[in-house]
Amino acid sequence: MIHIGLVLLRAYSIAGEWLCEFRVGMKARVGHVKQRISLSCGIPLWEQRLVLGGRILRDACTLEECHVHQVIGGYVDGFAVVSIQCVRGGQSQLSRDLGELAGLRKPDIAVDASLSAVADAVMRAEHELSERAKPADPLALLDATPYRVEFIHWMMQAFDILRFDPSILHGTVLTLDRFFSRQAAPVDPGKLNDCLLACVSIEMKLAGADEFPPEHCKRLLAHLSHHRAELPTIMSTEYEILSCIDFGVGIPTTLTFFRELALRPQSDDEGLRTTIHDLGLFFLDLCMFEPRVQYGCPHGMLAAGALAAAVHVLDGDSSRKAGCAEVLEHLFENVAAYGISTVQTIGAAVFGCEEIILELWCARALGESQCPWSECYRVTAARHERQVLPEAASCWMQRLRAPPVSASAGRARDASLSRDACRGRRRRLPLVMAAAREDAKRRRLMHPRALRWCSAVALLATRSGIRTGFGRASCPHGPALQRSSDLA
């Protein structure tokens, strides 16, 4: 028997986590629904934003006026099931975490709680500044100088030897790209080295005199140029670059946003967060070589995509699933501080960037297509190989050894995921092991893109010295993976 005028309302968080469910009449107002959610989950009314079909529901409207009947996702015991998203729109998770520091007994840590009131405003201002200052045409950078890849490759090796913070590398690349994008004609090859050293000088000055005293900066510039470039020439080029970019320095980079999104003042699992940070940093290093990826989307979204990609790779370890889910939920709440209006926009942007980053890693790991920086990938991977890449490959080995999803189970899973816009986006990712079983032949098949990704992981694991155990006994996809690995 179908109950008319009543619905079974299911509330989910922005990351797709189930919050509560209850029966409510179609004539009930949205404000009443928020009260029921507050009583069930403890979320204050003023922090709730209810989203249905990409629209934010107003408190004074009834469920009938919100056209709830158009998004019914099935029936349970005669009650129509409606799924909504409850977004905490008051403060970001980072702002709330900083506020919790006020109760600590250590004054040097508790003082950071004063940043809670301005954290969201600063994140929004950084996002707007980054969008205004970044190069408008990424493809023009490829024509501005053919030496961009070599510059980044050299800086990665030199800065790693000098133990520079990664922010120096990302800041130098962004300043160079902003300068190149504003040139009407390609820069004279004879001045490229001076331009590079001038941008390094700018970033060292921004880092402060405590880290880079003036005399130390001069010695580093002389060392980087092998004593071939004169200091007055570098300073003259520095002034020329600053004039070209309107003296706009200190622009937030992808690393700036990445560290903000990954920041957690009090964490229960520092080891997991360190691993996620290292793997996400590796993804950001890869993005620097591709201007279309680096500047094709907002830097905040690209940083969120790198963090989500690292979480998605590492959650193959069953012992880390809870911690990875927590990181992902906090990620979405912090991304909302950048001022993006709808939840669907956030999910589409983050998961879209995640897919692009992982596809880039896959293509470079397998050596697909003619890539001008294929040799640079080996150096970039070697910088992270001893720390995080073997661990990432090991997590994916555990994921691959899991039994494939049958066709009927896959359809049931997709139907449940379609109720949530953000989680439904994950079905598009090439990393989902979408295997279908043919009942007649009793043979398991894999999606071609997933098979290609598995080959990349297998190749990475082999180079890292990890025993994958691909075979009929240990992995249900063994024969197909073996053939694909041979082709790769």
Protein backbone atom coordinates (compact mmCIF):
# COMPACT_ATOMS: atom_id res chain seq x y z
CA MET A 1 0.00 0.00 0.00
CA ILE A 2 1.39 3.38 -1.04
CA HIS A 3 1.04 6.20 1.49
CA ILE A 4 -0.09 9.44 -0.12
CA GLY A 5 1.24 12.70 1.27
CA LEU A 6 4.09 11.11 3.28
CA VAL A 7 7.70 10.54 2.25
CA LEU A 8 10.69 8.77 3.80
CA LEU A 9 13.34 11.49 3.88
CA ARG A 10 17.00 10.39 3.92
CA ALA A 11 19.64 12.98 4.70
CA TYR A 12 23.25 12.64 3.53
CA SER A 13 26.34 14.76 4.13
CA ILE A 14 28.20 16.50 1.32
CA ALA A 15 30.59 13.51 1.11
CA GLY A 16 27.71 11.03 0.80
CA GLU A 17 27.71 9.83 4.42
CA TRP A 18 24.27 8.77 5.70
CA LEU A 19 23.06 11.07 8.50
CA CYS A 20 19.48 10.14 9.37
CA GLU A 21 16.08 9.24 7.95
CA PHE A 22 12.53 9.95 9.07
CA ARG A 23 8.98 10.18 7.75
CA VAL A 24 7.53 13.58 7.07
CA GLY A 25 4.47 15.01 5.33
CA MET A 26 4.59 16.82 2.01
CA LYS A 27 3.02 19.86 3.67
CA ALA A 28 5.93 20.16 6.15
CA ARG A 29 8.16 23.17 5.73
CA VAL A 30 11.91 22.96 5.15
CA GLY A 31 12.51 24.66 8.51
CA HIS A 32 10.72 21.76 10.22
CA VAL A 33 12.91 19.28 8.34
CA LYS A 34 16.02 21.09 9.60
CA GLN A 35 14.71 20.78 13.16
CA ARG A 36 14.30 17.02 12.73
CA ILE A 37 17.86 16.74 11.35
CA SER A 38 19.19 18.86 14.23
CA LEU A 39 17.51 16.60 16.81
CA SER A 40 18.86 13.45 15.11
CA CYS A 41 22.42 14.57 14.27
CA GLY A 42 23.11 17.60 16.46
CA ILE A 43 23.81 19.94 13.52
CA PRO A 44 22.73 23.50 14.46
CA LEU A 45 19.89 24.94 12.40
CA TRP A 46 21.87 27.99 11.30
CA GLU A 47 24.61 25.81 9.81
CA GLN A 48 22.32 23.63 7.70
CA ARG A 49 21.90 24.06 3.96
CA LEU A 50 19.51 21.49 2.45
CA VAL A 51 20.13 20.76 -1.23
CA LEU A 52 17.79 18.85 -3.53
CA GLY A 53 18.44 18.44 -7.23
CA GLY A 54 21.18 21.08 -7.18
CA ARG A 55 18.89 23.69 -5.54
CA ILE A 56 19.13 25.09 -2.01
CA LEU A 57 15.77 24.74 -0.25
CA ARG A 58 14.30 27.77 1.50
CA ASP A 59 13.02 27.39 5.06
CA ALA A 60 9.60 28.92 4.36
CA CYS A 61 8.78 26.53 1.48
CA THR A 62 6.99 23.23 1.92
CA LEU A 63 8.34 19.99 0.50
CA GLU A 64 5.49 19.99 -2.00
CA GLU A 65 6.46 23.47 -3.20
CA CYS A 66 10.06 22.23 -3.58
CA HIS A 67 8.80 19.60 -6.07
CA VAL A 68 10.01 16.70 -3.97
CA HIS A 69 7.72 14.35 -5.89
CA GLN A 70 9.94 14.79 -8.98
CA VAL A 71 13.01 13.22 -7.34
CA ILE A 72 11.52 10.11 -5.71
CA GLY A 73 14.14 7.35 -5.60
CA GLY A 74 11.88 4.35 -5.00
CA TYR A 75 9.55 3.05 -2.31
CA VAL A 76 10.15 1.39 1.06
CA ASP A 77 7.13 -0.11 2.89
CA GLY A 78 4.84 2.05 0.79
CA PHE A 79 6.66 5.32 1.53
CA ALA A 80 8.29 7.29 -1.28
CA VAL A 81 12.04 7.68 -0.65
CA VAL A 82 13.59 11.12 -1.14
CA SER A 83 17.32 11.79 -0.61
CA ILE A 84 18.59 15.25 0.24
CA GLN A 85 22.03 16.66 1.05
CA CYS A 86 22.67 18.52 4.28
CA VAL A 87 25.60 20.92 3.91
CA ARG A 88 27.07 22.66 6.93
CA GLY A 89 27.30 26.21 5.64
CA GLY A 90 28.32 28.04 8.77
CA GLN A 91 32.08 27.54 9.03
CA SER A 92 34.49 25.33 7.16
CA GLN A 93 35.95 22.32 8.90
CA LEU A 94 39.32 24.07 9.06
CA SER A 95 37.76 27.06 10.82
CA ARG A 96 36.00 24.81 13.35
CA ASP A 97 39.19 22.85 14.00
CA LEU A 98 41.07 26.07 14.70
CA GLY A 99 38.33 27.19 17.06
CA GLU A 100 38.67 23.98 19.09
CA LEU A 101 42.27 24.87 19.91
CA ALA A 102 41.06 27.53 22.34
CA GLY A 103 40.46 24.90 25.02
CA LEU A 104 44.02 23.60 25.05
CA ARG A 105 46.29 24.33 27.99
CA LYS A 106 49.33 25.11 25.83
CA PRO A 107 49.24 28.87 25.13
CA ASP A 108 51.53 28.66 22.08
CA ILE A 109 49.00 26.32 20.39
CA ALA A 110 45.79 27.80 21.80
CA VAL A 111 46.65 31.20 20.34
CA ASP A 112 46.00 29.78 16.85
CA ALA A 113 42.30 29.66 17.74
CA SER A 114 42.17 33.40 16.97
CA LEU A 115 42.50 32.51 13.27
CA SER A 116 39.13 30.76 13.30
CA ALA A 117 37.21 33.99 12.70
CA VAL A 118 39.17 34.92 9.55
CA ALA A 119 40.10 31.52 8.08
CA ASP A 120 37.14 31.27 5.68
CA ALA A 121 37.47 34.88 4.54
CA VAL A 122 41.18 34.37 3.83
CA MET A 123 40.53 31.19 1.84
CA ARG A 124 37.89 32.94 -0.26
CA ALA A 125 40.17 35.94 -0.87
CA GLU A 126 43.05 33.66 -1.90
CA HIS A 127 40.79 31.86 -4.36
CA GLU A 128 39.68 35.14 -5.95
CA LEU A 129 43.26 36.46 -6.12
CA SER A 130 44.50 33.25 -7.72
CA GLU A 131 41.78 33.37 -10.38
CA ARG A 132 42.62 36.97 -11.29
CA ALA A 133 46.38 36.46 -11.50
CA LYS A 134 46.84 33.07 -13.15
CA PRO A 135 47.67 32.87 -16.91
CA ALA A 136 44.51 33.22 -18.98
CA ASP A 137 45.65 31.07 -21.93
CA PRO A 138 47.52 27.89 -20.88
CA LEU A 139 48.21 26.92 -24.50
CA ALA A 140 50.08 30.17 -25.08
CA LEU A 141 52.71 29.03 -22.57
CA LEU A 142 53.69 26.19 -24.88
CA ASP A 143 54.43 28.71 -27.64
CA ALA A 144 56.03 31.30 -25.35
CA THR A 145 59.05 29.14 -24.64
CA PRO A 146 59.90 25.59 -25.64
CA TYR A 147 62.23 25.37 -22.66
CA ARG A 148 59.55 25.40 -19.95
CA VAL A 149 59.75 21.65 -19.35
CA GLU A 150 63.54 21.75 -19.10
CA PHE A 151 63.34 24.61 -16.59
CA ILE A 152 60.96 22.71 -14.32
CA HIS A 153 63.02 19.55 -14.67
CA TRP A 154 66.21 21.37 -13.69
CA MET A 155 64.58 23.21 -10.79
CA MET A 156 63.19 19.98 -9.33
CA GLN A 157 66.65 18.45 -9.21
CA ALA A 158 68.52 21.58 -8.08
CA PHE A 159 66.01 22.58 -5.40
CA ASP A 160 65.89 19.03 -4.10
CA ILE A 161 69.67 19.08 -3.62
CA LEU A 162 69.53 22.48 -1.91
CA ARG A 163 66.62 21.27 0.28
CA PHE A 164 64.35 24.11 -0.72
CA ASP A 165 60.77 24.00 0.46
CA PRO A 166 58.40 22.91 -2.37
CA SER A 167 56.72 26.32 -2.17
CA ILE A 168 59.83 27.87 -3.78
CA LEU A 169 59.46 25.58 -6.79
CA HIS A 170 55.72 26.16 -7.24
CA GLY A 171 56.06 29.91 -6.73
CA THR A 172 58.91 30.18 -9.25
CA VAL A 173 56.97 28.24 -11.89
CA LEU A 174 53.87 30.39 -11.40
CA THR A 175 55.85 33.65 -11.65
CA LEU A 176 57.63 32.45 -14.79
CA ASP A 177 54.36 31.40 -16.43
CA ARG A 178 52.70 34.71 -15.58
CA PHE A 179 55.65 36.55 -17.14
CA PHE A 180 55.75 34.37 -20.27
CA SER A 181 51.98 34.64 -20.80
CA ARG A 182 52.19 38.46 -20.95
CA GLN A 183 54.90 38.57 -23.62
CA ALA A 184 53.81 39.55 -27.10
CA ALA A 185 56.67 37.55 -28.61
CA PRO A 186 58.77 34.61 -27.36
CA VAL A 187 61.49 35.61 -24.92
CA ASP A 188 65.03 35.75 -26.30
CA PRO A 189 66.66 32.38 -25.47
CA GLY A 190 69.75 34.24 -24.26
CA LYS A 191 67.70 35.86 -21.46
CA LEU A 192 65.88 32.76 -20.28
CA ASN A 193 68.48 31.82 -17.68
CA ASP A 194 68.43 35.35 -16.25
CA CYS A 195 64.61 35.21 -16.10
CA LEU A 196 64.73 31.91 -14.24
CA LEU A 197 67.27 33.17 -11.70
CA ALA A 198 65.31 36.39 -11.25
CA CYS A 199 62.13 34.46 -10.40
CA VAL A 200 64.08 32.31 -7.93
CA SER A 201 65.40 35.50 -6.35
CA ILE A 202 61.85 36.86 -6.01
CA GLU A 203 60.64 33.71 -4.24
CA MET A 204 63.60 33.64 -1.86
CA LYS A 205 62.92 37.25 -0.88
CA LEU A 206 59.25 36.44 -0.28
CA ALA A 207 60.27 33.56 1.98
CA GLY A 208 61.87 36.08 4.34
CA ALA A 209 65.28 37.10 5.57
CA ASP A 210 65.21 34.52 8.36
CA GLU A 211 65.25 31.66 5.87
CA PHE A 212 67.24 33.38 3.11
CA PRO A 213 69.53 36.16 4.40
CA PRO A 214 70.70 38.57 1.67
CA GLU A 215 74.25 37.27 1.53
CA HIS A 216 73.01 33.70 1.46
CA CYS A 217 70.71 34.56 -1.47
CA LYS A 218 73.64 35.95 -3.43
CA ARG A 219 75.68 32.80 -2.85
CA LEU A 220 72.76 30.58 -3.90
CA LEU A 221 72.18 32.55 -7.11
CA ALA A 222 75.88 32.33 -7.94
CA HIS A 223 75.84 28.60 -7.23
CA LEU A 224 72.73 28.00 -9.35
CA SER A 225 74.25 29.91 -12.30
CA HIS A 226 77.67 28.25 -11.91
CA HIS A 227 79.06 31.78 -11.44
CA ARG A 228 78.19 32.65 -15.05
CA ALA A 229 75.44 35.21 -14.37
CA GLU A 230 76.25 38.59 -12.86
CA LEU A 231 74.16 39.81 -9.95
CA PRO A 232 73.35 43.27 -11.50
CA THR A 233 71.98 41.50 -14.59
CA ILE A 234 69.77 39.27 -12.44
CA MET A 235 68.47 42.26 -10.47
CA SER A 236 67.73 44.17 -13.68
CA THR A 237 65.79 41.19 -15.06
CA GLU A 238 63.95 40.86 -11.74
CA TYR A 239 62.75 44.47 -12.03
CA GLU A 240 61.64 43.82 -15.61
CA ILE A 241 59.62 40.79 -14.55
CA LEU A 242 58.03 42.60 -11.61
CA SER A 243 57.03 45.48 -13.87
CA CYS A 244 55.51 43.07 -16.37
CA ILE A 245 53.34 41.33 -13.73
CA ASP A 246 52.39 44.65 -12.10
CA PHE A 247 54.43 43.82 -9.00
CA GLY A 248 51.87 41.17 -8.11
CA VAL A 249 53.85 38.72 -5.99
CA GLY A 250 52.89 36.23 -3.33
CA ILE A 251 50.08 34.83 -5.48
CA PRO A 252 48.66 31.59 -3.99
CA THR A 253 49.80 28.48 -5.83
CA THR A 254 48.27 25.03 -6.02
CA LEU A 255 50.57 24.04 -3.16
CA THR A 256 49.16 26.88 -1.03
CA PHE A 257 45.61 25.57 -1.45
CA PHE A 258 46.74 21.96 -1.04
CA ARG A 259 48.34 22.64 2.32
CA GLU A 260 45.26 24.53 3.48
CA LEU A 261 42.91 21.72 2.51
CA ALA A 262 45.16 19.08 4.05
CA LEU A 263 45.68 21.01 7.30
CA ARG A 264 44.25 19.46 10.44
CA PRO A 265 45.46 21.06 13.70
CA GLN A 266 44.57 17.96 15.74
CA SER A 267 44.73 14.64 13.92
CA ASP A 268 44.31 11.12 15.23
CA ASP A 269 46.35 9.51 12.45
CA GLU A 270 49.33 11.65 11.55
CA GLY A 271 50.92 8.81 9.58
CA LEU A 272 47.96 8.60 7.17
CA ARG A 273 47.85 12.36 6.70
CA THR A 274 51.57 12.48 6.00
CA THR A 275 51.22 9.77 3.36
CA ILE A 276 48.26 11.53 1.75
CA HIS A 277 50.23 14.79 1.74
CA ASP A 278 53.29 13.21 0.10
CA LEU A 279 51.26 11.44 -2.59
CA GLY A 280 49.21 14.57 -3.31
CA LEU A 281 52.44 16.57 -3.63
CA PHE A 282 53.65 14.07 -6.23
CA PHE A 283 50.43 14.61 -8.22
CA LEU A 284 50.89 18.39 -8.08
CA ASP A 285 54.46 18.02 -9.36
CA LEU A 286 53.13 16.12 -12.37
CA CYS A 287 50.54 18.80 -13.09
CA MET A 288 53.22 21.49 -13.36
CA PHE A 289 54.53 19.91 -16.58
CA GLU A 290 51.11 20.26 -18.29
CA PRO A 291 49.93 23.89 -18.55
CA ARG A 292 46.47 22.77 -19.66
CA VAL A 293 46.08 20.82 -16.43
CA GLN A 294 47.86 23.35 -14.21
CA TYR A 295 45.80 26.33 -15.38
CA GLY A 296 42.77 24.66 -16.93
CA CYS A 297 40.79 24.83 -13.68
CA PRO A 298 40.92 26.90 -10.48
CA HIS A 299 44.01 26.20 -8.40
CA GLY A 300 41.87 25.46 -5.36
CA MET A 301 39.94 22.80 -7.28
CA LEU A 302 43.14 21.28 -8.68
CA ALA A 303 44.59 21.04 -5.16
CA ALA A 304 41.36 19.43 -3.95
CA GLY A 305 41.51 16.98 -6.87
CA ALA A 306 45.10 16.02 -5.98
CA LEU A 307 44.09 15.45 -2.37
CA ALA A 308 41.02 13.42 -3.38
CA ALA A 309 43.15 11.37 -5.79
CA ALA A 310 45.64 10.56 -3.02
CA VAL A 311 42.78 9.54 -0.70
CA HIS A 312 41.20 7.38 -3.40
CA VAL A 313 44.47 5.56 -4.06
CA LEU A 314 45.26 4.92 -0.39
CA ASP A 315 41.80 3.80 0.70
CA GLY A 316 42.51 0.44 -0.95
CA ASP A 317 43.93 -0.52 2.45
CA SER A 318 40.94 -1.65 4.53
CA SER A 319 42.53 -0.38 7.74
CA ARG A 320 42.56 3.16 6.32
CA LYS A 321 39.06 3.41 4.92
CA ALA A 322 37.63 5.21 7.95
CA GLY A 323 40.47 7.74 8.05
CA CYS A 324 40.28 8.34 4.27
CA ALA A 325 36.50 8.86 4.46
CA GLU A 326 37.00 11.45 7.20
CA VAL A 327 39.62 13.31 5.14
CA LEU A 328 37.32 13.33 2.11
CA GLU A 329 34.36 14.69 4.08
CA HIS A 330 36.45 17.48 5.57
CA LEU A 331 37.83 18.23 2.11
CA PHE A 332 34.38 18.99 0.68
CA GLU A 333 33.46 21.21 3.61
CA ASN A 334 36.69 23.20 3.23
CA VAL A 335 36.31 23.56 -0.55
CA ALA A 336 32.89 25.13 0.07
CA ALA A 337 34.72 28.04 1.74
CA TYR A 338 35.98 29.15 -1.67
CA GLY A 339 32.50 30.48 -2.47
CA ILE A 340 31.23 27.92 -4.97
CA SER A 341 27.45 28.13 -4.89
CA THR A 342 26.07 24.62 -5.29
CA VAL A 343 27.10 21.23 -3.97
CA GLN A 344 26.87 19.65 -7.40
CA THR A 345 29.39 22.18 -8.71
CA ILE A 346 31.81 21.23 -5.94
CA GLY A 347 31.44 17.51 -6.61
CA ALA A 348 31.80 17.93 -10.36
CA ALA A 349 34.90 20.13 -10.04
CA VAL A 350 36.74 18.03 -7.45
CA PHE A 351 36.04 14.63 -9.01
CA GLY A 352 36.69 16.00 -12.49
CA CYS A 353 40.14 17.23 -11.42
CA GLU A 354 40.77 13.92 -9.66
CA GLU A 355 40.03 12.02 -12.85
CA ILE A 356 42.31 14.25 -14.93
CA ILE A 357 45.20 13.86 -12.47
CA LEU A 358 44.94 10.09 -12.24
CA GLU A 359 44.63 9.75 -16.01
CA LEU A 360 47.79 11.88 -16.35
CA TRP A 361 49.65 9.63 -13.90
CA CYS A 362 48.41 6.54 -15.70
CA ALA A 363 49.49 7.79 -19.14
CA ARG A 364 52.96 8.78 -17.93
CA ALA A 365 53.51 5.59 -15.95
CA LEU A 366 52.68 3.47 -19.02
CA GLY A 367 54.63 5.74 -21.38
CA GLU A 368 51.59 6.31 -23.60
CA SER A 369 51.60 8.91 -26.40
CA GLN A 370 54.46 11.13 -27.46
CA CYS A 371 55.14 13.16 -24.36
CA PRO A 372 57.91 15.79 -24.39
CA TRP A 373 58.54 15.30 -20.68
CA SER A 374 58.59 11.51 -20.42
CA GLU A 375 62.16 11.61 -19.10
CA CYS A 376 61.12 14.22 -16.54
CA TYR A 377 58.48 11.84 -15.19
CA ARG A 378 61.15 9.31 -14.24
CA VAL A 379 63.03 11.97 -12.25
CA THR A 380 59.81 13.21 -10.62
CA ALA A 381 58.78 9.68 -9.65
CA ALA A 382 62.26 8.95 -8.32
CA ARG A 383 61.96 11.90 -5.89
CA HIS A 384 58.90 10.26 -4.31
CA GLU A 385 59.63 6.60 -4.99
CA ARG A 386 61.33 5.87 -1.69
CA GLN A 387 58.58 7.48 0.39
CA VAL A 388 55.07 7.08 -0.92
CA LEU A 389 54.78 5.47 -4.36
CA PRO A 390 55.52 1.90 -3.24
CA GLU A 391 52.93 2.29 -0.49
CA ALA A 392 50.38 3.62 -2.98
CA ALA A 393 51.02 0.68 -5.30
CA SER A 394 50.65 -1.74 -2.39
CA CYS A 395 47.24 -0.25 -1.51
CA TRP A 396 46.11 -0.71 -5.08
CA MET A 397 47.26 -4.30 -5.05
CA GLN A 398 44.83 -4.94 -2.19
CA ARG A 399 42.07 -3.26 -4.19
CA LEU A 400 42.78 -5.38 -7.27
CA ARG A 401 42.71 -8.64 -5.32
CA ALA A 402 39.12 -7.96 -4.24
CA PRO A 403 36.48 -10.01 -6.15
CA PRO A 404 35.00 -8.21 -9.16
CA VAL A 405 31.49 -6.80 -8.99
CA SER A 406 28.90 -8.87 -10.81
CA ALA A 407 26.60 -7.21 -13.32
CA SER A 408 23.52 -7.41 -11.09
CA ALA A 409 25.42 -6.20 -8.02
CA GLY A 410 26.95 -3.40 -10.06
CA ARG A 411 23.53 -2.19 -11.21
CA ALA A 412 22.23 -2.26 -7.63
CA ARG A 413 25.26 -0.32 -6.44
CA ASP A 414 24.89 2.26 -9.20
CA ALA A 415 21.21 2.72 -8.35
CA SER A 416 22.06 3.44 -4.73
CA LEU A 417 24.90 5.80 -5.66
CA SER A 418 22.72 7.74 -8.07
CA ARG A 419 20.74 9.11 -5.12
CA ASP A 420 23.66 11.28 -4.22
CA ALA A 421 25.11 13.65 -6.80
CA CYS A 422 28.65 13.70 -5.43
CA ARG A 423 28.97 9.96 -4.94
CA GLY A 424 27.41 9.36 -8.33
CA ARG A 425 30.30 11.27 -9.85
CA ARG A 426 32.72 8.60 -8.69
CA ARG A 427 31.24 6.15 -11.17
CA ARG A 428 32.90 8.17 -13.92
CA LEU A 429 36.40 7.62 -12.56
CA PRO A 430 38.61 5.24 -14.50
CA LEU A 431 39.85 3.83 -11.20
CA VAL A 432 36.57 2.08 -10.37
CA MET A 433 37.03 -1.62 -10.89
CA ALA A 434 33.83 -1.99 -12.96
CA ALA A 435 34.02 -5.70 -13.87
CA ALA A 436 31.02 -7.47 -15.43
CA ARG A 437 30.49 -11.25 -15.31
CA GLU A 438 29.06 -13.13 -18.28
CA ASP A 439 26.70 -15.72 -16.83
CA ALA A 440 26.84 -17.92 -19.91
CA LYS A 441 30.61 -18.15 -20.22
CA ARG A 442 31.33 -17.65 -16.47
CA ARG A 443 34.15 -15.29 -17.40
CA ARG A 444 35.07 -11.98 -15.74
CA LEU A 445 35.80 -8.94 -17.89
CA MET A 446 37.09 -5.47 -17.00
CA HIS A 447 36.43 -2.00 -18.32
CA PRO A 448 39.22 -1.04 -20.78
CA ARG A 449 40.13 2.15 -18.91
CA ALA A 450 40.21 0.30 -15.60
CA LEU A 451 42.36 -2.41 -17.21
CA ARG A 452 44.80 0.23 -18.47
CA TRP A 453 44.99 1.75 -14.98
CA CYS A 454 45.65 -1.67 -13.44
CA SER A 455 48.51 -2.13 -15.89
CA ALA A 456 50.02 1.17 -14.79
CA VAL A 457 49.79 0.18 -11.13
CA ALA A 458 51.28 -3.24 -11.86
CA LEU A 459 54.18 -1.61 -13.71
CA LEU A 460 54.72 0.84 -10.85
CA ALA A 461 54.65 -1.96 -8.30
CA THR A 462 57.15 -3.99 -10.29
CA ARG A 463 59.58 -1.05 -10.53
CA SER A 464 59.13 -0.40 -6.81
CA GLY A 465 60.00 -3.97 -5.91
CA ILE A 466 56.51 -4.95 -4.75
CA ARG A 467 55.35 -8.47 -5.41
CA THR A 468 51.91 -8.07 -6.94
CA GLY A 469 50.93 -11.72 -6.94
CA PHE A 470 48.93 -11.39 -10.16
CA GLY A 471 47.68 -14.82 -11.00
CA ARG A 472 44.60 -17.01 -11.10
CA ALA A 473 44.82 -17.89 -7.45
CA SER A 474 45.57 -14.47 -5.98
CA CYS A 475 43.83 -12.02 -8.32
CA PRO A 476 40.54 -12.53 -10.21
CA HIS A 477 41.84 -10.34 -13.04
CA GLY A 478 45.21 -12.07 -13.32
CA PRO A 479 45.23 -13.35 -16.93
CA ALA A 480 43.90 -10.08 -18.38
CA LEU A 481 46.35 -8.01 -16.36
CA GLN A 482 49.25 -10.22 -17.37
CA ARG A 483 48.44 -9.76 -21.07
CA SER A 484 48.05 -6.02 -20.64
CA SER A 485 51.30 -5.72 -18.67
CA ASP A 486 53.12 -7.55 -21.46
CA LEU A 487 51.75 -5.10 -24.00
CA ALA A 488 52.74 -2.13 -21.85
